Amino acid sequence: TEDLTASKVIFKDKIREARKPLLEAEDVVYMKALEAGDSSAQSASVAKKKALRDAPAAKAITDADTIAKLKAAWDTSTLGDSPYA
């Protein structure tokens, strides 16, 4: 049988693993925007970093009641390609 609770923990760990380099890259984008005084780029970067930080707490993960739904909860617009595709 499938242990959905354990699967959700593993899934969240995979998200954290995938977002680490994305957050690091976004830090560079933010610093460049800060140096250039580009407040709209700074705001966009802040929003993207917030979305990355919030990804493990997505409602779709909490609400998933099957492994298939859990895999479908991967937010490709924020995290890129799913490791489950």
N, C-alpha and C. Protein backbone atom coordinates (compact mmCIF):
# COMPACT_ATOMS: atom_id res chain seq x y z
N THR A 1 0.83 -1.19 0.00
CA THR A 1 0.00 0.00 0.00
C THR A 1 0.87 1.25 0.00
N GLU A 2 0.25 2.35 -0.37
CA GLU A 2 0.96 3.62 -0.42
C GLU A 2 0.76 4.39 0.88
N ASP A 3 1.82 4.94 1.39
CA ASP A 3 1.75 5.76 2.60
C ASP A 3 1.72 7.22 2.15
N LEU A 4 0.51 7.77 2.07
CA LEU A 4 0.33 9.12 1.56
C LEU A 4 1.00 10.16 2.46
N THR A 5 0.96 9.94 3.75
CA THR A 5 1.59 10.89 4.68
C THR A 5 3.10 10.96 4.45
N ALA A 6 3.73 9.82 4.34
CA ALA A 6 5.17 9.79 4.08
C ALA A 6 5.46 10.36 2.69
N SER A 7 4.60 10.08 1.74
CA SER A 7 4.79 10.59 0.38
C SER A 7 4.74 12.11 0.36
N LYS A 8 3.86 12.70 1.14
CA LYS A 8 3.78 14.16 1.20
C LYS A 8 5.05 14.76 1.79
N VAL A 9 5.62 14.11 2.78
CA VAL A 9 6.88 14.59 3.36
C VAL A 9 7.99 14.53 2.32
N ILE A 10 8.07 13.44 1.60
CA ILE A 10 9.08 13.28 0.55
C ILE A 10 8.86 14.30 -0.55
N PHE A 11 7.60 14.50 -0.93
CA PHE A 11 7.26 15.46 -1.98
C PHE A 11 7.71 16.87 -1.58
N LYS A 12 7.45 17.26 -0.36
CA LYS A 12 7.86 18.58 0.13
C LYS A 12 9.39 18.71 0.14
N ASP A 13 10.08 17.63 0.49
CA ASP A 13 11.54 17.65 0.45
C ASP A 13 12.05 17.83 -0.97
N LYS A 14 11.37 17.20 -1.94
CA LYS A 14 11.75 17.36 -3.36
C LYS A 14 11.55 18.81 -3.79
N ILE A 15 10.48 19.43 -3.31
CA ILE A 15 10.24 20.84 -3.64
C ILE A 15 11.36 21.70 -3.07
N ARG A 16 11.72 21.44 -1.83
CA ARG A 16 12.79 22.22 -1.20
C ARG A 16 14.12 22.05 -1.95
N GLU A 17 14.36 20.84 -2.41
CA GLU A 17 15.57 20.56 -3.19
C GLU A 17 15.55 21.31 -4.52
N ALA A 18 14.41 21.31 -5.18
CA ALA A 18 14.29 21.97 -6.49
C ALA A 18 14.34 23.49 -6.36
N ARG A 19 13.82 24.03 -5.28
CA ARG A 19 13.75 25.49 -5.16
C ARG A 19 15.06 26.13 -4.70
N LYS A 20 15.95 25.35 -4.08
CA LYS A 20 17.20 25.92 -3.56
C LYS A 20 17.99 26.68 -4.63
N PRO A 21 18.30 26.06 -5.77
CA PRO A 21 19.05 26.83 -6.77
C PRO A 21 18.22 27.96 -7.38
N LEU A 22 16.90 27.81 -7.41
CA LEU A 22 16.05 28.87 -7.94
C LEU A 22 16.07 30.08 -7.02
N LEU A 23 16.04 29.85 -5.72
CA LEU A 23 16.14 30.96 -4.76
C LEU A 23 17.50 31.64 -4.85
N GLU A 24 18.55 30.85 -4.99
CA GLU A 24 19.89 31.42 -5.10
C GLU A 24 20.01 32.29 -6.35
N ALA A 25 19.46 31.81 -7.46
CA ALA A 25 19.50 32.59 -8.70
C ALA A 25 18.66 33.86 -8.57
N GLU A 26 17.54 33.75 -7.89
CA GLU A 26 16.68 34.92 -7.72
C GLU A 26 17.32 35.95 -6.80
N ASP A 27 18.15 35.51 -5.87
CA ASP A 27 18.90 36.46 -5.04
C ASP A 27 19.81 37.33 -5.91
N VAL A 28 20.42 36.73 -6.91
CA VAL A 28 21.29 37.47 -7.83
C VAL A 28 20.46 38.48 -8.63
N VAL A 29 19.30 38.04 -9.12
CA VAL A 29 18.42 38.93 -9.87
C VAL A 29 18.03 40.12 -9.00
N TYR A 30 17.67 39.85 -7.76
CA TYR A 30 17.27 40.93 -6.85
C TYR A 30 18.42 41.91 -6.61
N MET A 31 19.60 41.39 -6.36
CA MET A 31 20.74 42.27 -6.10
C MET A 31 21.06 43.15 -7.31
N LYS A 32 20.95 42.57 -8.51
CA LYS A 32 21.18 43.38 -9.72
C LYS A 32 20.13 44.47 -9.85
N ALA A 33 18.88 44.13 -9.54
CA ALA A 33 17.81 45.12 -9.59
C ALA A 33 18.03 46.20 -8.54
N LEU A 34 18.50 45.81 -7.38
CA LEU A 34 18.77 46.76 -6.31
C LEU A 34 19.88 47.72 -6.72
N GLU A 35 20.94 47.17 -7.30
CA GLU A 35 22.05 48.01 -7.75
C GLU A 35 21.61 48.97 -8.85
N ALA A 36 20.70 48.53 -9.70
CA ALA A 36 20.23 49.36 -10.81
C ALA A 36 19.12 50.31 -10.38
N GLY A 37 18.62 50.14 -9.16
CA GLY A 37 17.54 50.99 -8.70
C GLY A 37 16.22 50.68 -9.39
N ASP A 38 16.06 49.47 -9.87
CA ASP A 38 14.85 49.05 -10.61
C ASP A 38 13.84 48.46 -9.63
N SER A 39 12.95 49.31 -9.14
CA SER A 39 12.01 48.87 -8.11
C SER A 39 10.99 47.85 -8.64
N SER A 40 10.62 47.93 -9.91
CA SER A 40 9.66 46.94 -10.43
C SER A 40 10.31 45.56 -10.53
N ALA A 41 11.58 45.51 -10.91
CA ALA A 41 12.29 44.23 -10.95
C ALA A 41 12.50 43.68 -9.54
N GLN A 42 12.73 44.58 -8.59
CA GLN A 42 12.86 44.15 -7.19
C GLN A 42 11.56 43.53 -6.70
N SER A 43 10.45 44.18 -6.99
CA SER A 43 9.13 43.67 -6.57
C SER A 43 8.83 42.32 -7.21
N ALA A 44 9.16 42.18 -8.48
CA ALA A 44 8.94 40.91 -9.17
C ALA A 44 9.78 39.81 -8.55
N SER A 45 11.01 40.13 -8.20
CA SER A 45 11.90 39.16 -7.59
C SER A 45 11.39 38.75 -6.21
N VAL A 46 10.93 39.70 -5.44
CA VAL A 46 10.37 39.42 -4.12
C VAL A 46 9.17 38.50 -4.24
N ALA A 47 8.31 38.76 -5.22
CA ALA A 47 7.12 37.92 -5.43
C ALA A 47 7.51 36.50 -5.82
N LYS A 48 8.51 36.39 -6.68
CA LYS A 48 8.95 35.05 -7.10
C LYS A 48 9.56 34.28 -5.93
N LYS A 49 10.37 34.96 -5.12
CA LYS A 49 10.97 34.29 -3.97
C LYS A 49 9.91 33.87 -2.96
N LYS A 50 8.87 34.68 -2.80
CA LYS A 50 7.77 34.32 -1.89
C LYS A 50 7.05 33.07 -2.41
N ALA A 51 6.80 33.03 -3.70
CA ALA A 51 6.14 31.85 -4.29
C ALA A 51 6.99 30.60 -4.09
N LEU A 52 8.29 30.73 -4.23
CA LEU A 52 9.19 29.59 -4.01
C LEU A 52 9.17 29.15 -2.55
N ARG A 53 9.18 30.12 -1.65
CA ARG A 53 9.15 29.78 -0.21
C ARG A 53 7.83 29.13 0.19
N ASP A 54 6.74 29.58 -0.44
CA ASP A 54 5.41 29.06 -0.11
C ASP A 54 5.10 27.72 -0.77
N ALA A 55 5.89 27.31 -1.73
CA ALA A 55 5.58 26.11 -2.52
C ALA A 55 5.35 24.84 -1.68
N PRO A 56 6.14 24.55 -0.65
CA PRO A 56 5.89 23.33 0.12
C PRO A 56 4.57 23.34 0.90
N ALA A 57 4.00 24.51 1.10
CA ALA A 57 2.76 24.62 1.87
C ALA A 57 1.52 24.72 0.97
N ALA A 58 1.67 24.40 -0.30
CA ALA A 58 0.56 24.53 -1.24
C ALA A 58 -0.65 23.70 -0.81
N LYS A 59 -1.81 24.27 -0.99
CA LYS A 59 -3.06 23.61 -0.61
C LYS A 59 -3.26 22.31 -1.39
N ALA A 60 -2.81 22.30 -2.64
CA ALA A 60 -2.95 21.09 -3.47
C ALA A 60 -2.22 19.90 -2.86
N ILE A 61 -1.11 20.17 -2.18
CA ILE A 61 -0.37 19.09 -1.51
C ILE A 61 -1.15 18.59 -0.31
N THR A 62 -1.62 19.52 0.49
CA THR A 62 -2.40 19.16 1.68
C THR A 62 -3.66 18.39 1.29
N ASP A 63 -4.33 18.83 0.23
CA ASP A 63 -5.60 18.24 -0.18
C ASP A 63 -5.46 16.94 -0.96
N ALA A 64 -4.26 16.63 -1.44
CA ALA A 64 -4.07 15.41 -2.25
C ALA A 64 -4.45 14.17 -1.45
N ASP A 65 -5.30 13.35 -2.06
CA ASP A 65 -5.71 12.12 -1.37
C ASP A 65 -5.28 10.86 -2.13
N THR A 66 -4.48 11.08 -3.19
CA THR A 66 -3.86 9.97 -3.92
C THR A 66 -2.46 10.40 -4.32
N ILE A 67 -1.64 9.42 -4.64
CA ILE A 67 -0.28 9.72 -5.11
C ILE A 67 -0.34 10.48 -6.42
N ALA A 68 -1.27 10.13 -7.31
CA ALA A 68 -1.39 10.82 -8.60
C ALA A 68 -1.71 12.30 -8.39
N LYS A 69 -2.62 12.60 -7.47
CA LYS A 69 -2.96 14.00 -7.19
C LYS A 69 -1.78 14.71 -6.55
N LEU A 70 -1.03 14.01 -5.75
CA LEU A 70 0.15 14.61 -5.13
C LEU A 70 1.18 14.98 -6.21
N LYS A 71 1.43 14.07 -7.12
CA LYS A 71 2.37 14.35 -8.21
C LYS A 71 1.89 15.52 -9.07
N ALA A 72 0.58 15.61 -9.25
CA ALA A 72 0.00 16.69 -10.05
C ALA A 72 0.09 18.04 -9.34
N ALA A 73 0.36 18.03 -8.04
CA ALA A 73 0.46 19.26 -7.26
C ALA A 73 1.77 20.02 -7.50
N TRP A 74 2.68 19.43 -8.25
CA TRP A 74 3.95 20.10 -8.55
C TRP A 74 3.66 21.35 -9.37
N ASP A 75 4.03 22.51 -8.89
CA ASP A 75 3.76 23.79 -9.56
C ASP A 75 4.88 24.09 -10.56
N THR A 76 4.65 23.70 -11.82
CA THR A 76 5.68 23.88 -12.84
C THR A 76 5.95 25.35 -13.14
N SER A 77 4.96 26.21 -12.92
CA SER A 77 5.17 27.63 -13.19
C SER A 77 6.14 28.25 -12.18
N THR A 78 6.24 27.68 -11.01
CA THR A 78 7.15 28.19 -9.98
C THR A 78 8.43 27.38 -9.91
N LEU A 79 8.30 26.04 -9.98
CA LEU A 79 9.44 25.15 -9.72
C LEU A 79 10.08 24.58 -10.98
N GLY A 80 9.47 24.79 -12.13
CA GLY A 80 10.00 24.20 -13.35
C GLY A 80 9.48 22.78 -13.53
N ASP A 81 10.12 22.04 -14.38
CA ASP A 81 9.68 20.69 -14.72
C ASP A 81 9.59 19.79 -13.50
N SER A 82 8.55 18.99 -13.49
CA SER A 82 8.33 18.05 -12.41
C SER A 82 9.24 16.85 -12.53
N PRO A 83 9.79 16.38 -11.43
CA PRO A 83 10.59 15.15 -11.47
C PRO A 83 9.69 13.92 -11.67
N TYR A 84 8.38 14.13 -11.65
CA TYR A 84 7.42 13.03 -11.78
C TYR A 84 6.81 12.93 -13.16
N ALA A 85 7.27 13.78 -14.08
CA ALA A 85 6.69 13.77 -15.44
C ALA A 85 7.14 12.58 -16.24
